[in-house]
Amino acid sequence: MVVDAAYSVHINLGPGVLEKVYEVCFCHELTQLGLSYKRRSRLYAVGDFVTASVSPVTKLTCES
């Protein structure tokens, strides 16, 4: 089911679209299939004197 959702997004959007657009469409497909998922979250990296907000690469966790 997850692969079917990814394939559907790939076929409908084609190449060259921003990653965020693929992510939003993929999440929509998963919702249509009744699958739950967790979208990426912000991470905070702490150094000696700096705390930086880091956006990780797309990572979705699906549960059937």
C-alpha atoms as a PDB file:
ATOM      1  CA  MET A   1       0.000   0.000   0.000  1.00  0.00           C
ATOM      2  CA  VAL A   2       2.802   2.428   0.848  1.00  0.00           C
ATOM      3  CA  VAL A   3       4.634   1.653  -2.374  1.00  0.00           C
ATOM      4  CA  ASP A   4       1.399   2.145  -4.325  1.00  0.00           C
ATOM      5  CA  ALA A   5       0.970   5.584  -2.740  1.00  0.00           C
ATOM      6  CA  ALA A   6       4.543   6.556  -3.579  1.00  0.00           C
ATOM      7  CA  TYR A   7       4.135   5.302  -7.141  1.00  0.00           C
ATOM      8  CA  SER A   8       0.903   7.251  -7.576  1.00  0.00           C
ATOM      9  CA  VAL A   9       2.585  10.480  -6.464  1.00  0.00           C
ATOM     10  CA  HIS A  10       5.556   9.812  -8.743  1.00  0.00           C
ATOM     11  CA  ILE A  11       3.360   9.140 -11.786  1.00  0.00           C
ATOM     12  CA  ASN A  12       1.098  12.158 -11.185  1.00  0.00           C
ATOM     13  CA  LEU A  13       3.775  14.735 -10.355  1.00  0.00           C
ATOM     14  CA  GLY A  14       6.727  13.530 -12.389  1.00  0.00           C
ATOM     15  CA  PRO A  15      10.316  14.632 -11.805  1.00  0.00           C
ATOM     16  CA  GLY A  16      11.605  18.045 -10.804  1.00  0.00           C
ATOM     17  CA  VAL A  17       9.092  19.002  -8.110  1.00  0.00           C
ATOM     18  CA  LEU A  18      10.254  20.306  -4.731  1.00  0.00           C
ATOM     19  CA  GLU A  19      10.638  17.646  -2.044  1.00  0.00           C
ATOM     20  CA  LYS A  20       8.058  19.373   0.173  1.00  0.00           C
ATOM     21  CA  VAL A  21       5.436  19.048  -2.583  1.00  0.00           C
ATOM     22  CA  TYR A  22       6.147  15.322  -2.911  1.00  0.00           C
ATOM     23  CA  GLU A  23       5.865  14.975   0.869  1.00  0.00           C
ATOM     24  CA  VAL A  24       2.501  16.739   1.079  1.00  0.00           C
ATOM     25  CA  CYS A  25       1.058  14.701  -1.802  1.00  0.00           C
ATOM     26  CA  PHE A  26       2.438  11.450  -0.385  1.00  0.00           C
ATOM     27  CA  CYS A  27       0.865  12.184   3.004  1.00  0.00           C
ATOM     28  CA  HIS A  28      -2.443  12.890   1.271  1.00  0.00           C
ATOM     29  CA  GLU A  29      -2.253   9.519  -0.507  1.00  0.00           C
ATOM     30  CA  LEU A  30      -1.501   7.743   2.783  1.00  0.00           C
ATOM     31  CA  THR A  31      -4.491   9.443   4.404  1.00  0.00           C
ATOM     32  CA  GLN A  32      -6.724   8.357   1.520  1.00  0.00           C
ATOM     33  CA  LEU A  33      -5.579   4.763   2.106  1.00  0.00           C
ATOM     34  CA  GLY A  34      -6.381   5.009   5.829  1.00  0.00           C
ATOM     35  CA  LEU A  35      -2.744   4.711   6.921  1.00  0.00           C
ATOM     36  CA  SER A  36      -1.419   6.702   9.844  1.00  0.00           C
ATOM     37  CA  TYR A  37       1.941   8.406   9.619  1.00  0.00           C
ATOM     38  CA  LYS A  38       4.147  10.831  11.465  1.00  0.00           C
ATOM     39  CA  ARG A  39       5.694  13.706   9.550  1.00  0.00           C
ATOM     40  CA  ARG A  40       9.145  15.098  10.147  1.00  0.00           C
ATOM     41  CA  SER A  41       9.785  17.286  13.161  1.00  0.00           C
ATOM     42  CA  ARG A  42      12.273  20.010  13.937  1.00  0.00           C
ATOM     43  CA  LEU A  43      15.503  18.933  15.583  1.00  0.00           C
ATOM     44  CA  TYR A  44      17.595  21.126  17.826  1.00  0.00           C
ATOM     45  CA  ALA A  45      21.363  20.768  17.704  1.00  0.00           C
ATOM     46  CA  VAL A  46      23.189  22.221  20.689  1.00  0.00           C
ATOM     47  CA  GLY A  47      26.829  23.288  20.431  1.00  0.00           C
ATOM     48  CA  ASP A  48      29.166  25.209  22.764  1.00  0.00           C
ATOM     49  CA  PHE A  49      27.423  28.553  22.401  1.00  0.00           C
ATOM     50  CA  VAL A  50      24.761  27.993  19.754  1.00  0.00           C
ATOM     51  CA  THR A  51      21.449  26.190  19.559  1.00  0.00           C
ATOM     52  CA  ALA A  52      20.427  25.655  15.946  1.00  0.00           C
ATOM     53  CA  SER A  53      17.085  24.539  14.595  1.00  0.00           C
ATOM     54  CA  VAL A  54      17.707  21.887  11.950  1.00  0.00           C
ATOM     55  CA  SER A  55      15.148  20.536   9.501  1.00  0.00           C
ATOM     56  CA  PRO A  56      15.871  16.880   8.779  1.00  0.00           C
ATOM     57  CA  VAL A  57      15.390  15.195   5.406  1.00  0.00           C
ATOM     58  CA  THR A  58      11.952  13.770   4.733  1.00  0.00           C
ATOM     59  CA  LYS A  59      11.173  10.836   6.961  1.00  0.00           C
ATOM     60  CA  LEU A  60       7.728   9.350   7.296  1.00  0.00           C
ATOM     61  CA  THR A  61       6.815   6.516   9.611  1.00  0.00           C
ATOM     62  CA  CYS A  62       3.745   4.548   8.516  1.00  0.00           C
ATOM     63  CA  GLU A  63       1.641   2.176  10.555  1.00  0.00           C
ATOM     64  CA  SER A  64      -0.961  -0.087   9.009  1.00  0.00           C
END
